[in-house]
Structures are given as C-alpha cells and as structure tokens.
Amino acid sequence: MVAPASGASEALRLIEERGAPDIAVLDVAMPEMNGFDLLKALRARAGLEALPVIFLSARVSPEDVDAGRSLDADYLTKPYVMDSLLAAIDKLLTNPLQAAGSW
C-alpha cells in the first residue's frame, strides 16, 4: 500500500495512525522541513531507527547526494527511470541491511 503525504507533518501523522511503513521515499525539497530533517525525525522514533529510505530528488549536487547517503538512505535523482526506483525499492525490501549509496 502506498500512502502519499504532502509534507512532513502529514507523513508523521500517517505513521502515528498507521504504524511504520516498510519503506519511505522522500524528496529533499519538501514543505515544512526538508527530507533530511524528516528522516532524522523518523529515525529518532522508536522502531524506525532502521527504516529503509530512498531520496528521490531533483537536488543533484554532490553535497546533497552525500548528505542523503550519510543518513543511510539510497539517493536517486530526478528525472528518474522507473526501473531504477523499483529496483531500489526491491533491494531495500529484500535486503534492508545492504547499505545505502549503491545507486
């Protein structure tokens, strides 16, 4: 099941209501707080410390990519190829211990 959220507060509310997702796909540029800060907030919650995350963002600077990967998240850039996103999701769902940064 996919549960889209329009911003960080909605994402946090959905997790409170529905529980932890299997995986999160975040953008870096988001309303309310950036994706990096949202991921830090998520990982600070009990049970979400190892939440598999993919950043899907138009922010392509090496600093942004490195920042996402330093948070143990995969990082894909926009525009993206759907097969790449699906492969990243599959990889994280089948083996979440494979470290980020392999894409």
C-alpha atoms as a PDB file:
ATOM      1  CA  MET A   1       0.000   0.000   0.000  1.00  0.00           C
ATOM      2  CA  VAL A   2       1.238   3.469  -0.854  1.00  0.00           C
ATOM      3  CA  ALA A   3       0.407   6.333   1.496  1.00  0.00           C
ATOM      4  CA  PRO A   4       1.356   9.676  -0.033  1.00  0.00           C
ATOM      5  CA  ALA A   5       1.909  12.684   2.211  1.00  0.00           C
ATOM      6  CA  SER A   6       2.009  16.323   1.146  1.00  0.00           C
ATOM      7  CA  GLY A   7       4.545  17.300   3.788  1.00  0.00           C
ATOM      8  CA  ALA A   8       6.454  16.270   6.871  1.00  0.00           C
ATOM      9  CA  SER A   9       3.660  16.776   9.398  1.00  0.00           C
ATOM     10  CA  GLU A  10       1.279  14.667   7.324  1.00  0.00           C
ATOM     11  CA  ALA A  11       3.921  11.942   6.973  1.00  0.00           C
ATOM     12  CA  LEU A  12       4.484  11.901  10.732  1.00  0.00           C
ATOM     13  CA  ARG A  13       0.723  11.833  11.374  1.00  0.00           C
ATOM     14  CA  LEU A  14       0.250   8.914   8.967  1.00  0.00           C
ATOM     15  CA  ILE A  15       2.942   6.944  10.759  1.00  0.00           C
ATOM     16  CA  GLU A  16       1.296   7.685  14.120  1.00  0.00           C
ATOM     17  CA  GLU A  17      -2.061   6.473  12.784  1.00  0.00           C
ATOM     18  CA  ARG A  18      -0.985   3.522  10.612  1.00  0.00           C
ATOM     19  CA  GLY A  19       2.357   2.459  12.028  1.00  0.00           C
ATOM     20  CA  ALA A  20       5.754   2.211  10.418  1.00  0.00           C
ATOM     21  CA  PRO A  21       5.938   1.841   6.651  1.00  0.00           C
ATOM     22  CA  ASP A  22       8.008  -0.873   5.014  1.00  0.00           C
ATOM     23  CA  ILE A  23       9.964   1.818   3.162  1.00  0.00           C
ATOM     24  CA  ALA A  24       9.868   5.601   2.755  1.00  0.00           C
ATOM     25  CA  VAL A  25      10.511   7.517  -0.450  1.00  0.00           C
ATOM     26  CA  LEU A  26      11.310  11.127   0.402  1.00  0.00           C
ATOM     27  CA  ASP A  27      12.209  14.232  -1.522  1.00  0.00           C
ATOM     28  CA  VAL A  28      14.854  16.580  -0.174  1.00  0.00           C
ATOM     29  CA  ALA A  29      12.837  19.698  -1.048  1.00  0.00           C
ATOM     30  CA  MET A  30       9.582  19.433   0.884  1.00  0.00           C
ATOM     31  CA  PRO A  31       7.218  21.832   2.636  1.00  0.00           C
ATOM     32  CA  GLU A  32       7.647  22.374   6.401  1.00  0.00           C
ATOM     33  CA  MET A  33      11.058  20.713   6.675  1.00  0.00           C
ATOM     34  CA  ASN A  34      13.497  19.225   4.237  1.00  0.00           C
ATOM     35  CA  GLY A  35      13.720  15.495   3.650  1.00  0.00           C
ATOM     36  CA  PHE A  36      16.985  15.192   5.572  1.00  0.00           C
ATOM     37  CA  ASP A  37      15.368  16.642   8.699  1.00  0.00           C
ATOM     38  CA  LEU A  38      12.283  14.476   8.245  1.00  0.00           C
ATOM     39  CA  LEU A  39      14.460  11.379   8.032  1.00  0.00           C
ATOM     40  CA  LYS A  40      16.287  12.407  11.219  1.00  0.00           C
ATOM     41  CA  ALA A  41      12.909  12.884  12.953  1.00  0.00           C
ATOM     42  CA  LEU A  42      11.714   9.490  11.736  1.00  0.00           C
ATOM     43  CA  ARG A  43      14.882   7.707  12.794  1.00  0.00           C
ATOM     44  CA  ALA A  44      14.599   9.273  16.270  1.00  0.00           C
ATOM     45  CA  ARG A  45      11.315   7.412  16.802  1.00  0.00           C
ATOM     46  CA  ALA A  46      11.271   4.002  18.420  1.00  0.00           C
ATOM     47  CA  GLY A  47      11.033   1.267  15.824  1.00  0.00           C
ATOM     48  CA  LEU A  48      12.075   3.498  12.929  1.00  0.00           C
ATOM     49  CA  GLU A  49      15.821   3.599  13.556  1.00  0.00           C
ATOM     50  CA  ALA A  50      16.486   1.304  10.590  1.00  0.00           C
ATOM     51  CA  LEU A  51      13.625   2.417   8.317  1.00  0.00           C
ATOM     52  CA  PRO A  52      14.706   1.849   4.693  1.00  0.00           C
ATOM     53  CA  VAL A  53      14.643   5.189   2.851  1.00  0.00           C
ATOM     54  CA  ILE A  54      15.149   6.346  -0.704  1.00  0.00           C
ATOM     55  CA  PHE A  55      15.590  10.003  -1.520  1.00  0.00           C
ATOM     56  CA  LEU A  56      14.111  10.843  -4.917  1.00  0.00           C
ATOM     57  CA  SER A  57      15.132  14.400  -5.612  1.00  0.00           C
ATOM     58  CA  ALA A  58      15.961  16.995  -8.240  1.00  0.00           C
ATOM     59  CA  ARG A  59      18.721  18.221  -5.943  1.00  0.00           C
ATOM     60  CA  VAL A  60      21.723  16.636  -7.604  1.00  0.00           C
ATOM     61  CA  SER A  61      24.687  18.393  -6.034  1.00  0.00           C
ATOM     62  CA  PRO A  62      27.339  16.084  -4.616  1.00  0.00           C
ATOM     63  CA  GLU A  63      26.717  17.651  -1.202  1.00  0.00           C
ATOM     64  CA  ASP A  64      23.027  16.708  -1.263  1.00  0.00           C
ATOM     65  CA  VAL A  65      23.706  13.191  -2.533  1.00  0.00           C
ATOM     66  CA  ASP A  66      26.403  12.699   0.123  1.00  0.00           C
ATOM     67  CA  ALA A  67      24.095  14.094   2.826  1.00  0.00           C
ATOM     68  CA  GLY A  68      21.387  11.596   1.903  1.00  0.00           C
ATOM     69  CA  ARG A  69      23.769   8.681   1.773  1.00  0.00           C
ATOM     70  CA  SER A  70      25.360   9.707   5.091  1.00  0.00           C
ATOM     71  CA  LEU A  71      21.909   9.153   6.611  1.00  0.00           C
ATOM     72  CA  ASP A  72      21.978   5.554   5.313  1.00  0.00           C
ATOM     73  CA  ALA A  73      19.500   6.263   2.554  1.00  0.00           C
ATOM     74  CA  ASP A  74      19.669   5.473  -1.129  1.00  0.00           C
ATOM     75  CA  TYR A  75      19.601   8.554  -3.346  1.00  0.00           C
ATOM     76  CA  LEU A  76      18.096   8.717  -6.830  1.00  0.00           C
ATOM     77  CA  THR A  77      17.918  11.884  -8.874  1.00  0.00           C
ATOM     78  CA  LYS A  78      15.095  13.330 -10.947  1.00  0.00           C
ATOM     79  CA  PRO A  79      14.275  12.856 -13.648  1.00  0.00           C
ATOM     80  CA  TYR A  80      14.411   9.200 -12.795  1.00  0.00           C
ATOM     81  CA  VAL A  81      13.886   5.942 -14.597  1.00  0.00           C
ATOM     82  CA  MET A  82      11.020   3.967 -13.078  1.00  0.00           C
ATOM     83  CA  ASP A  83      13.012   0.736 -13.300  1.00  0.00           C
ATOM     84  CA  SER A  84      15.740   2.304 -11.137  1.00  0.00           C
ATOM     85  CA  LEU A  85      13.231   3.319  -8.472  1.00  0.00           C
ATOM     86  CA  LEU A  86      11.598  -0.107  -8.488  1.00  0.00           C
ATOM     87  CA  ALA A  87      14.994  -1.813  -8.278  1.00  0.00           C
ATOM     88  CA  ALA A  88      15.985   0.380  -5.314  1.00  0.00           C
ATOM     89  CA  ILE A  89      12.703  -0.421  -3.547  1.00  0.00           C
ATOM     90  CA  ASP A  90      13.095  -4.125  -4.245  1.00  0.00           C
ATOM     91  CA  LYS A  91      16.682  -4.117  -2.977  1.00  0.00           C
ATOM     92  CA  LEU A  92      15.744  -2.395   0.276  1.00  0.00           C
ATOM     93  CA  LEU A  93      12.702  -4.567   0.879  1.00  0.00           C
ATOM     94  CA  THR A  94      14.529  -7.820   0.220  1.00  0.00           C
ATOM     95  CA  ASN A  95      17.765  -6.907   1.985  1.00  0.00           C
ATOM     96  CA  PRO A  96      17.451  -3.762   4.127  1.00  0.00           C
ATOM     97  CA  LEU A  97      20.929  -4.335   5.561  1.00  0.00           C
ATOM     98  CA  GLN A  98      22.530  -3.537   2.210  1.00  0.00           C
ATOM     99  CA  ALA A  99      23.973  -0.114   2.900  1.00  0.00           C
ATOM    100  CA  ALA A 100      22.869   2.973   1.099  1.00  0.00           C
ATOM    101  CA  GLY A 101      24.904   4.559  -1.582  1.00  0.00           C
ATOM    102  CA  SER A 102      24.952   1.686  -4.015  1.00  0.00           C
ATOM    103  CA  TRP A 103      22.971   3.534  -6.668  1.00  0.00           C
END
